[in-house]
């Protein structure tokens, strides 16, 4: 299997490494260009894989979203420091003409009432913790916030929405989808750690979620250094293994149906591999 590797380093090699929470953001536009985040900047790789450049410097974002008009969206999150012990953020847009703008201004705290998980109609979706589990919310294309349903959950992680509006989410180490405003189990114990033990602590082993044109789902399992495929019938298989110290955190299929895998390691390095 041939792989083309694009690697960037954004920390100095030292004896002891401080693990930084990696991003899952990797998206494509209609031309097939790939955009991804290393949580320090956003990169663009041409569809033919021959050119790579930074298009948005100095932004700390874990997720990316691209709309039907090829406008790219992300966040910039920062820590004010121990003096205030506060966080801040803004939301940015990088339009099809290469113009960068802030669509939500500098705001204290973490991002709320907004999502980078959207469908083909301009709606965004997310789950927010509530007394009975999680409230399923939607930001409509007209920027109206709507409550859709309350879903029983335990420990919600990353989320994904197909173009048709089918919403998927990771709850601890299980993958669910919402159908008719009710949760449906897609695949259980994807990291190989069963959830029956009540004393077992939730983990963060399942990262990016994505799909293909045949309704198969894919998840990045960092603890197993693998990408797993889940068919519509619920059959789970491993379709990719990261090498050595690398771990997959996200992925996408390009216009030619080649798989691009976003990876990170404990040295806070990030790379993208195109698997033919």
C-alpha atoms as a PDB file:
ATOM      1  CA  UNK A   1       0.000   0.000   0.000  1.00  0.00           C
ATOM      2  CA  UNK A   2       1.481   3.304  -1.102  1.00  0.00           C
ATOM      3  CA  UNK A   3       1.309   6.266   1.263  1.00  0.00           C
ATOM      4  CA  UNK A   4       2.274   9.882   0.745  1.00  0.00           C
ATOM      5  CA  UNK A   5       3.201  11.557   4.024  1.00  0.00           C
ATOM      6  CA  UNK A   6       2.909  15.285   4.789  1.00  0.00           C
ATOM      7  CA  UNK A   7       4.500  15.997   8.149  1.00  0.00           C
ATOM      8  CA  UNK A   8       4.961  19.189  10.142  1.00  0.00           C
ATOM      9  CA  UNK A   9       6.674  19.609  13.493  1.00  0.00           C
ATOM     10  CA  UNK A  10       5.501  22.224  15.920  1.00  0.00           C
ATOM     11  CA  UNK A  11       7.492  21.571  19.058  1.00  0.00           C
ATOM     12  CA  UNK A  12      11.151  21.160  19.941  1.00  0.00           C
ATOM     13  CA  UNK A  13      12.338  17.624  20.567  1.00  0.00           C
ATOM     14  CA  UNK A  14      13.089  17.294  24.244  1.00  0.00           C
ATOM     15  CA  UNK A  15      13.582  14.460  26.672  1.00  0.00           C
ATOM     16  CA  UNK A  16      10.127  14.774  28.241  1.00  0.00           C
ATOM     17  CA  UNK A  17       7.082  15.575  26.120  1.00  0.00           C
ATOM     18  CA  UNK A  18       3.892  17.276  27.252  1.00  0.00           C
ATOM     19  CA  UNK A  19       0.877  15.690  25.519  1.00  0.00           C
ATOM     20  CA  UNK A  20      -1.327  18.259  23.841  1.00  0.00           C
ATOM     21  CA  UNK A  21      -4.895  17.378  22.910  1.00  0.00           C
ATOM     22  CA  UNK A  22      -4.734  16.905  19.116  1.00  0.00           C
ATOM     23  CA  UNK A  23      -7.269  18.103  16.586  1.00  0.00           C
ATOM     24  CA  UNK A  24      -9.590  16.051  14.400  1.00  0.00           C
ATOM     25  CA  UNK A  25     -10.196  18.730  11.765  1.00  0.00           C
ATOM     26  CA  UNK A  26      -9.641  17.549   8.186  1.00  0.00           C
ATOM     27  CA  UNK A  27     -12.049  18.564   5.405  1.00  0.00           C
ATOM     28  CA  UNK A  28     -12.126  18.962   1.622  1.00  0.00           C
ATOM     29  CA  UNK A  29     -13.654  21.477  -0.769  1.00  0.00           C
ATOM     30  CA  UNK A  30     -15.514  20.728  -3.983  1.00  0.00           C
ATOM     31  CA  UNK A  31     -12.262  20.875  -5.980  1.00  0.00           C
ATOM     32  CA  UNK A  32     -10.744  18.151  -3.802  1.00  0.00           C
ATOM     33  CA  UNK A  33      -8.288  20.373  -1.911  1.00  0.00           C
ATOM     34  CA  UNK A  34      -7.650  19.139   1.636  1.00  0.00           C
ATOM     35  CA  UNK A  35      -7.557  21.404   4.702  1.00  0.00           C
ATOM     36  CA  UNK A  36      -6.371  20.266   8.131  1.00  0.00           C
ATOM     37  CA  UNK A  37      -5.442  21.700  11.510  1.00  0.00           C
ATOM     38  CA  UNK A  38      -2.363  21.054  13.623  1.00  0.00           C
ATOM     39  CA  UNK A  39      -3.945  23.190  16.427  1.00  0.00           C
ATOM     40  CA  UNK A  40      -1.418  25.949  15.643  1.00  0.00           C
ATOM     41  CA  UNK A  41      -2.433  26.756  12.065  1.00  0.00           C
ATOM     42  CA  UNK A  42      -4.533  25.460   9.171  1.00  0.00           C
ATOM     43  CA  UNK A  43      -2.879  23.863   6.149  1.00  0.00           C
ATOM     44  CA  UNK A  44      -4.091  23.382   2.584  1.00  0.00           C
ATOM     45  CA  UNK A  45      -2.944  20.515   0.341  1.00  0.00           C
ATOM     46  CA  UNK A  46      -3.842  20.672  -3.351  1.00  0.00           C
ATOM     47  CA  UNK A  47      -6.032  17.903  -4.727  1.00  0.00           C
ATOM     48  CA  UNK A  48      -3.112  16.407  -6.636  1.00  0.00           C
ATOM     49  CA  UNK A  49      -0.989  16.363  -3.460  1.00  0.00           C
ATOM     50  CA  UNK A  50       1.813  18.392  -5.026  1.00  0.00           C
ATOM     51  CA  UNK A  51       1.433  21.644  -3.116  1.00  0.00           C
ATOM     52  CA  UNK A  52       1.001  22.385   0.573  1.00  0.00           C
ATOM     53  CA  UNK A  53       0.846  25.740   2.326  1.00  0.00           C
ATOM     54  CA  UNK A  54      -0.400  27.453   5.472  1.00  0.00           C
ATOM     55  CA  UNK A  55      -3.597  29.346   4.730  1.00  0.00           C
ATOM     56  CA  UNK A  56      -4.512  30.418   8.272  1.00  0.00           C
ATOM     57  CA  UNK A  57      -1.670  30.974  10.761  1.00  0.00           C
ATOM     58  CA  UNK A  58      -1.926  31.340  14.515  1.00  0.00           C
ATOM     59  CA  UNK A  59      -5.283  29.674  15.173  1.00  0.00           C
ATOM     60  CA  UNK A  60      -5.870  27.027  17.817  1.00  0.00           C
ATOM     61  CA  UNK A  61      -8.779  24.998  16.496  1.00  0.00           C
ATOM     62  CA  UNK A  62      -9.549  21.307  16.907  1.00  0.00           C
ATOM     63  CA  UNK A  63     -12.345  21.120  14.341  1.00  0.00           C
ATOM     64  CA  UNK A  64     -13.003  22.440  10.849  1.00  0.00           C
ATOM     65  CA  UNK A  65     -16.196  22.811   8.830  1.00  0.00           C
ATOM     66  CA  UNK A  66     -16.606  23.602   5.143  1.00  0.00           C
ATOM     67  CA  UNK A  67     -19.972  24.606   3.712  1.00  0.00           C
ATOM     68  CA  UNK A  68     -21.542  23.914   0.324  1.00  0.00           C
ATOM     69  CA  UNK A  69     -19.940  27.088  -1.056  1.00  0.00           C
ATOM     70  CA  UNK A  70     -16.419  26.057   0.018  1.00  0.00           C
ATOM     71  CA  UNK A  71     -16.229  28.550   2.879  1.00  0.00           C
ATOM     72  CA  UNK A  72     -14.066  27.189   5.699  1.00  0.00           C
ATOM     73  CA  UNK A  73     -14.832  27.715   9.409  1.00  0.00           C
ATOM     74  CA  UNK A  74     -12.922  27.145  12.636  1.00  0.00           C
ATOM     75  CA  UNK A  75     -12.213  28.469  16.098  1.00  0.00           C
ATOM     76  CA  UNK A  76      -9.349  30.155  17.868  1.00  0.00           C
ATOM     77  CA  UNK A  77      -9.169  29.165  21.547  1.00  0.00           C
ATOM     78  CA  UNK A  78      -6.669  30.573  24.016  1.00  0.00           C
ATOM     79  CA  UNK A  79      -5.834  30.607  27.714  1.00  0.00           C
ATOM     80  CA  UNK A  80      -5.441  33.985  29.400  1.00  0.00           C
ATOM     81  CA  UNK A  81      -2.920  32.718  31.934  1.00  0.00           C
ATOM     82  CA  UNK A  82      -2.811  32.071  35.659  1.00  0.00           C
ATOM     83  CA  UNK A  83      -3.399  35.728  36.480  1.00  0.00           C
ATOM     84  CA  UNK A  84      -7.057  35.436  35.405  1.00  0.00           C
ATOM     85  CA  UNK A  85      -7.338  31.657  34.853  1.00  0.00           C
ATOM     86  CA  UNK A  86      -9.792  32.374  32.044  1.00  0.00           C
ATOM     87  CA  UNK A  87     -10.225  31.114  28.498  1.00  0.00           C
ATOM     88  CA  UNK A  88     -11.304  33.016  25.417  1.00  0.00           C
ATOM     89  CA  UNK A  89     -12.274  32.278  21.831  1.00  0.00           C
ATOM     90  CA  UNK A  90     -13.529  33.610  18.533  1.00  0.00           C
ATOM     91  CA  UNK A  91     -14.953  31.960  15.406  1.00  0.00           C
ATOM     92  CA  UNK A  92     -13.384  32.626  12.026  1.00  0.00           C
ATOM     93  CA  UNK A  93     -14.318  32.177   8.387  1.00  0.00           C
ATOM     94  CA  UNK A  94     -11.981  31.702   5.427  1.00  0.00           C
ATOM     95  CA  UNK A  95     -14.029  32.269   2.299  1.00  0.00           C
ATOM     96  CA  UNK A  96     -13.648  30.881  -1.189  1.00  0.00           C
ATOM     97  CA  UNK A  97     -11.678  34.000  -2.206  1.00  0.00           C
ATOM     98  CA  UNK A  98      -9.134  33.535   0.580  1.00  0.00           C
ATOM     99  CA  UNK A  99     -10.500  36.291   2.827  1.00  0.00           C
ATOM    100  CA  UNK A 100     -10.185  35.701   6.590  1.00  0.00           C
ATOM    101  CA  UNK A 101     -12.786  37.257   8.903  1.00  0.00           C
ATOM    102  CA  UNK A 102     -14.094  36.845  12.439  1.00  0.00           C
ATOM    103  CA  UNK A 103     -17.772  35.943  12.373  1.00  0.00           C
ATOM    104  CA  UNK A 104     -18.046  35.840  16.158  1.00  0.00           C
ATOM    105  CA  UNK A 105     -15.882  38.266  18.131  1.00  0.00           C
ATOM    106  CA  UNK A 106     -13.525  37.688  21.045  1.00  0.00           C
ATOM    107  CA  UNK A 107     -15.601  36.084  23.788  1.00  0.00           C
ATOM    108  CA  UNK A 108     -14.685  34.929  27.291  1.00  0.00           C
ATOM    109  CA  UNK A 109     -14.984  31.248  28.104  1.00  0.00           C
ATOM    110  CA  UNK A 110     -15.455  28.251  25.835  1.00  0.00           C
ATOM    111  CA  UNK A 111     -17.520  28.038  22.688  1.00  0.00           C
ATOM    112  CA  UNK A 112     -21.261  27.630  23.262  1.00  0.00           C
ATOM    113  CA  UNK A 113     -24.348  27.450  21.042  1.00  0.00           C
ATOM    114  CA  UNK A 114     -22.317  26.814  17.917  1.00  0.00           C
ATOM    115  CA  UNK A 115     -21.010  23.755  16.126  1.00  0.00           C
ATOM    116  CA  UNK A 116     -18.608  22.704  13.371  1.00  0.00           C
ATOM    117  CA  UNK A 117     -20.719  19.584  12.737  1.00  0.00           C
ATOM    118  CA  UNK A 118     -23.120  20.286   9.905  1.00  0.00           C
ATOM    119  CA  UNK A 119     -25.253  18.893   7.083  1.00  0.00           C
ATOM    120  CA  UNK A 120     -25.479  19.874   3.430  1.00  0.00           C
ATOM    121  CA  UNK A 121     -28.294  22.356   4.148  1.00  0.00           C
ATOM    122  CA  UNK A 122     -26.303  24.682   6.401  1.00  0.00           C
ATOM    123  CA  UNK A 123     -27.613  23.362   9.738  1.00  0.00           C
ATOM    124  CA  UNK A 124     -25.184  22.672  12.605  1.00  0.00           C
ATOM    125  CA  UNK A 125     -25.750  20.120  15.370  1.00  0.00           C
ATOM    126  CA  UNK A 126     -24.336  19.342  18.792  1.00  0.00           C
ATOM    127  CA  UNK A 127     -25.051  17.609  22.094  1.00  0.00           C
ATOM    128  CA  UNK A 128     -24.851  19.508  25.357  1.00  0.00           C
ATOM    129  CA  UNK A 129     -24.962  17.862  28.777  1.00  0.00           C
ATOM    130  CA  UNK A 130     -28.274  18.099  30.633  1.00  0.00           C
ATOM    131  CA  UNK A 131     -29.910  16.548  33.692  1.00  0.00           C
ATOM    132  CA  UNK A 132     -31.291  13.586  31.737  1.00  0.00           C
ATOM    133  CA  UNK A 133     -28.286  13.007  29.494  1.00  0.00           C
ATOM    134  CA  UNK A 134     -27.685  15.412  26.607  1.00  0.00           C
ATOM    135  CA  UNK A 135     -29.835  17.896  24.750  1.00  0.00           C
ATOM    136  CA  UNK A 136     -29.619  17.584  20.977  1.00  0.00           C
ATOM    137  CA  UNK A 137     -29.389  21.090  19.565  1.00  0.00           C
ATOM    138  CA  UNK A 138     -29.417  22.628  16.101  1.00  0.00           C
ATOM    139  CA  UNK A 139     -28.270  25.981  14.765  1.00  0.00           C
ATOM    140  CA  UNK A 140     -30.330  26.451  11.627  1.00  0.00           C
ATOM    141  CA  UNK A 141     -29.055  27.995   8.416  1.00  0.00           C
ATOM    142  CA  UNK A 142     -30.934  31.135   9.456  1.00  0.00           C
ATOM    143  CA  UNK A 143     -28.934  31.185  12.723  1.00  0.00           C
ATOM    144  CA  UNK A 144     -31.838  30.131  14.948  1.00  0.00           C
ATOM    145  CA  UNK A 145     -30.987  27.835  17.875  1.00  0.00           C
ATOM    146  CA  UNK A 146     -33.424  24.952  18.263  1.00  0.00           C
ATOM    147  CA  UNK A 147     -33.819  22.158  20.811  1.00  0.00           C
ATOM    148  CA  UNK A 148     -34.522  18.859  19.032  1.00  0.00           C
ATOM    149  CA  UNK A 149     -34.569  16.151  21.704  1.00  0.00           C
ATOM    150  CA  UNK A 150     -33.062  14.923  24.978  1.00  0.00           C
ATOM    151  CA  UNK A 151     -30.923  11.821  24.499  1.00  0.00           C
ATOM    152  CA  UNK A 152     -29.746   9.535  27.343  1.00  0.00           C
ATOM    153  CA  UNK A 153     -25.936   9.709  27.364  1.00  0.00           C
ATOM    154  CA  UNK A 154     -23.003   8.926  29.627  1.00  0.00           C
ATOM    155  CA  UNK A 155     -19.861  10.671  28.410  1.00  0.00           C
ATOM    156  CA  UNK A 156     -20.260  12.302  24.978  1.00  0.00           C
ATOM    157  CA  UNK A 157     -17.127  12.863  22.880  1.00  0.00           C
ATOM    158  CA  UNK A 158     -16.676  13.745  19.204  1.00  0.00           C
ATOM    159  CA  UNK A 159     -19.664  14.157  16.892  1.00  0.00           C
ATOM    160  CA  UNK A 160     -20.359  13.995  13.145  1.00  0.00           C
ATOM    161  CA  UNK A 161     -23.235  14.734  10.788  1.00  0.00           C
ATOM    162  CA  UNK A 162     -23.770  13.204   7.366  1.00  0.00           C
ATOM    163  CA  UNK A 163     -24.852  15.433   4.498  1.00  0.00           C
ATOM    164  CA  UNK A 164     -28.430  14.174   4.807  1.00  0.00           C
ATOM    165  CA  UNK A 165     -28.596  15.272   8.456  1.00  0.00           C
ATOM    166  CA  UNK A 166     -28.030  11.902  10.185  1.00  0.00           C
ATOM    167  CA  UNK A 167     -26.178  12.747  13.397  1.00  0.00           C
ATOM    168  CA  UNK A 168     -23.536  10.472  14.945  1.00  0.00           C
ATOM    169  CA  UNK A 169     -21.732  10.765  18.253  1.00  0.00           C
ATOM    170  CA  UNK A 170     -19.286   8.872  20.448  1.00  0.00           C
ATOM    171  CA  UNK A 171     -20.494   8.108  23.967  1.00  0.00           C
ATOM    172  CA  UNK A 172     -17.454   6.867  25.901  1.00  0.00           C
ATOM    173  CA  UNK A 173     -16.229   4.145  23.493  1.00  0.00           C
ATOM    174  CA  UNK A 174     -19.492   3.415  21.644  1.00  0.00           C
ATOM    175  CA  UNK A 175     -20.798   4.941  18.407  1.00  0.00           C
ATOM    176  CA  UNK A 176     -24.445   6.018  18.208  1.00  0.00           C
ATOM    177  CA  UNK A 177     -26.661   7.792  15.729  1.00  0.00           C
ATOM    178  CA  UNK A 178     -29.935   9.632  16.245  1.00  0.00           C
ATOM    179  CA  UNK A 179     -32.941   8.371  14.267  1.00  0.00           C
ATOM    180  CA  UNK A 180     -36.406   9.892  14.781  1.00  0.00           C
ATOM    181  CA  UNK A 181     -34.972  11.775  17.772  1.00  0.00           C
ATOM    182  CA  UNK A 182     -33.946   8.531  19.499  1.00  0.00           C
ATOM    183  CA  UNK A 183     -30.476   7.056  19.909  1.00  0.00           C
ATOM    184  CA  UNK A 184     -29.512   3.943  17.952  1.00  0.00           C
ATOM    185  CA  UNK A 185     -26.368   1.945  18.731  1.00  0.00           C
ATOM    186  CA  UNK A 186     -24.103   1.639  15.673  1.00  0.00           C
ATOM    187  CA  UNK A 187     -21.092  -0.121  17.202  1.00  0.00           C
ATOM    188  CA  UNK A 188     -20.074  -0.952  20.760  1.00  0.00           C
ATOM    189  CA  UNK A 189     -16.692  -0.967  22.542  1.00  0.00           C
ATOM    190  CA  UNK A 190     -14.749   0.337  19.565  1.00  0.00           C
ATOM    191  CA  UNK A 191     -11.538   0.649  21.553  1.00  0.00           C
ATOM    192  CA  UNK A 192     -11.782  -2.960  22.751  1.00  0.00           C
ATOM    193  CA  UNK A 193     -12.488  -1.947  26.332  1.00  0.00           C
ATOM    194  CA  UNK A 194     -15.907  -3.171  27.414  1.00  0.00           C
ATOM    195  CA  UNK A 195     -18.161  -0.806  29.277  1.00  0.00           C
ATOM    196  CA  UNK A 196     -19.921  -3.265  31.581  1.00  0.00           C
ATOM    197  CA  UNK A 197     -17.647  -2.589  34.574  1.00  0.00           C
ATOM    198  CA  UNK A 198     -19.326   0.204  36.588  1.00  0.00           C
ATOM    199  CA  UNK A 199     -15.974   1.152  38.132  1.00  0.00           C
ATOM    200  CA  UNK A 200     -14.267   1.677  34.771  1.00  0.00           C
ATOM    201  CA  UNK A 201     -13.545   5.327  34.091  1.00  0.00           C
ATOM    202  CA  UNK A 202     -14.612   6.842  30.747  1.00  0.00           C
ATOM    203  CA  UNK A 203     -11.766   7.366  28.325  1.00  0.00           C
ATOM    204  CA  UNK A 204     -10.984   9.460  25.286  1.00  0.00           C
ATOM    205  CA  UNK A 205      -9.786   6.754  22.911  1.00  0.00           C
ATOM    206  CA  UNK A 206     -12.230   7.466  20.055  1.00  0.00           C
ATOM    207  CA  UNK A 207     -11.426  10.593  18.063  1.00  0.00           C
ATOM    208  CA  UNK A 208     -12.518  11.645  14.574  1.00  0.00           C
ATOM    209  CA  UNK A 209     -15.642  10.243  12.879  1.00  0.00           C
ATOM    210  CA  UNK A 210     -16.345  10.356   9.144  1.00  0.00           C
ATOM    211  CA  UNK A 211     -18.168   8.489   6.379  1.00  0.00           C
ATOM    212  CA  UNK A 212     -17.830   7.476   2.740  1.00  0.00           C
ATOM    213  CA  UNK A 213     -20.180   7.546  -0.245  1.00  0.00           C
ATOM    214  CA  UNK A 214     -21.521   4.060   0.593  1.00  0.00           C
ATOM    215  CA  UNK A 215     -22.874   4.901   4.080  1.00  0.00           C
ATOM    216  CA  UNK A 216     -19.971   3.219   5.884  1.00  0.00           C
ATOM    217  CA  UNK A 217     -18.737   4.965   9.018  1.00  0.00           C
ATOM    218  CA  UNK A 218     -15.120   5.315  10.175  1.00  0.00           C
ATOM    219  CA  UNK A 219     -13.611   6.109  13.562  1.00  0.00           C
ATOM    220  CA  UNK A 220     -10.052   6.887  14.639  1.00  0.00           C
ATOM    221  CA  UNK A 221      -9.081   4.789  17.675  1.00  0.00           C
ATOM    222  CA  UNK A 222      -5.907   6.298  19.129  1.00  0.00           C
ATOM    223  CA  UNK A 223      -5.385   3.592  21.774  1.00  0.00           C
ATOM    224  CA  UNK A 224      -5.222   0.934  19.058  1.00  0.00           C
ATOM    225  CA  UNK A 225      -3.446   3.174  16.514  1.00  0.00           C
ATOM    226  CA  UNK A 226      -6.079   2.181  13.988  1.00  0.00           C
ATOM    227  CA  UNK A 227      -8.953   3.350  11.830  1.00  0.00           C
ATOM    228  CA  UNK A 228     -12.046   1.169  12.080  1.00  0.00           C
ATOM    229  CA  UNK A 229     -14.780   0.834   9.484  1.00  0.00           C
ATOM    230  CA  UNK A 230     -18.392   0.152  10.436  1.00  0.00           C
ATOM    231  CA  UNK A 231     -20.720  -1.032   7.675  1.00  0.00           C
ATOM    232  CA  UNK A 232     -24.453  -0.167   7.640  1.00  0.00           C
ATOM    233  CA  UNK A 233     -25.009  -3.709   8.965  1.00  0.00           C
ATOM    234  CA  UNK A 234     -22.761  -3.014  11.960  1.00  0.00           C
ATOM    235  CA  UNK A 235     -19.758  -5.091  10.874  1.00  0.00           C
ATOM    236  CA  UNK A 236     -16.538  -3.623  12.316  1.00  0.00           C
ATOM    237  CA  UNK A 237     -13.109  -4.066  10.730  1.00  0.00           C
ATOM    238  CA  UNK A 238      -9.694  -2.400  10.884  1.00  0.00           C
ATOM    239  CA  UNK A 239      -8.792  -0.757   7.560  1.00  0.00           C
ATOM    240  CA  UNK A 240      -5.679   1.202   8.563  1.00  0.00           C
ATOM    241  CA  UNK A 241      -2.878   1.000  11.149  1.00  0.00           C
ATOM    242  CA  UNK A 242      -0.649   3.930  12.070  1.00  0.00           C
ATOM    243  CA  UNK A 243       3.077   3.251  12.222  1.00  0.00           C
ATOM    244  CA  UNK A 244       5.341   3.320  15.270  1.00  0.00           C
ATOM    245  CA  UNK A 245       4.440   6.183  17.625  1.00  0.00           C
ATOM    246  CA  UNK A 246       1.695   7.689  15.444  1.00  0.00           C
ATOM    247  CA  UNK A 247      -2.037   7.660  16.223  1.00  0.00           C
ATOM    248  CA  UNK A 248      -4.929   8.515  13.886  1.00  0.00           C
ATOM    249  CA  UNK A 249      -7.142  11.390  15.003  1.00  0.00           C
ATOM    250  CA  UNK A 250      -9.288  12.043  11.933  1.00  0.00           C
ATOM    251  CA  UNK A 251      -9.816  11.257   8.300  1.00  0.00           C
ATOM    252  CA  UNK A 252     -11.655  11.944   5.056  1.00  0.00           C
ATOM    253  CA  UNK A 253     -12.118  10.474   1.586  1.00  0.00           C
ATOM    254  CA  UNK A 254     -11.175  12.734  -1.309  1.00  0.00           C
ATOM    255  CA  UNK A 255     -12.941  13.099  -4.650  1.00  0.00           C
ATOM    256  CA  UNK A 256     -11.061  10.061  -5.985  1.00  0.00           C
ATOM    257  CA  UNK A 257     -12.083   7.943  -2.969  1.00  0.00           C
ATOM    258  CA  UNK A 258      -8.564   7.865  -1.543  1.00  0.00           C
ATOM    259  CA  UNK A 259      -8.358   7.939   2.240  1.00  0.00           C
ATOM    260  CA  UNK A 260      -6.526  10.797   3.968  1.00  0.00           C
ATOM    261  CA  UNK A 261      -5.644  10.128   7.615  1.00  0.00           C
ATOM    262  CA  UNK A 262      -4.764  12.859  10.111  1.00  0.00           C
ATOM    263  CA  UNK A 263      -2.272  11.628  12.721  1.00  0.00           C
ATOM    264  CA  UNK A 264      -0.549  12.909  15.848  1.00  0.00           C
ATOM    265  CA  UNK A 265       1.990  11.600  18.350  1.00  0.00           C
ATOM    266  CA  UNK A 266       3.141  12.251  21.905  1.00  0.00           C
ATOM    267  CA  UNK A 267       5.766  14.719  20.675  1.00  0.00           C
ATOM    268  CA  UNK A 268       2.923  17.006  19.556  1.00  0.00           C
ATOM    269  CA  UNK A 269       3.719  16.365  15.909  1.00  0.00           C
ATOM    270  CA  UNK A 270       1.003  16.197  13.256  1.00  0.00           C
ATOM    271  CA  UNK A 271       1.015  14.660   9.792  1.00  0.00           C
ATOM    272  CA  UNK A 272      -1.413  13.713   7.038  1.00  0.00           C
ATOM    273  CA  UNK A 273      -1.139  10.476   5.072  1.00  0.00           C
ATOM    274  CA  UNK A 274      -2.851   9.867   1.756  1.00  0.00           C
ATOM    275  CA  UNK A 275      -3.509   6.149   1.367  1.00  0.00           C
ATOM    276  CA  UNK A 276      -4.018   4.973  -2.208  1.00  0.00           C
END
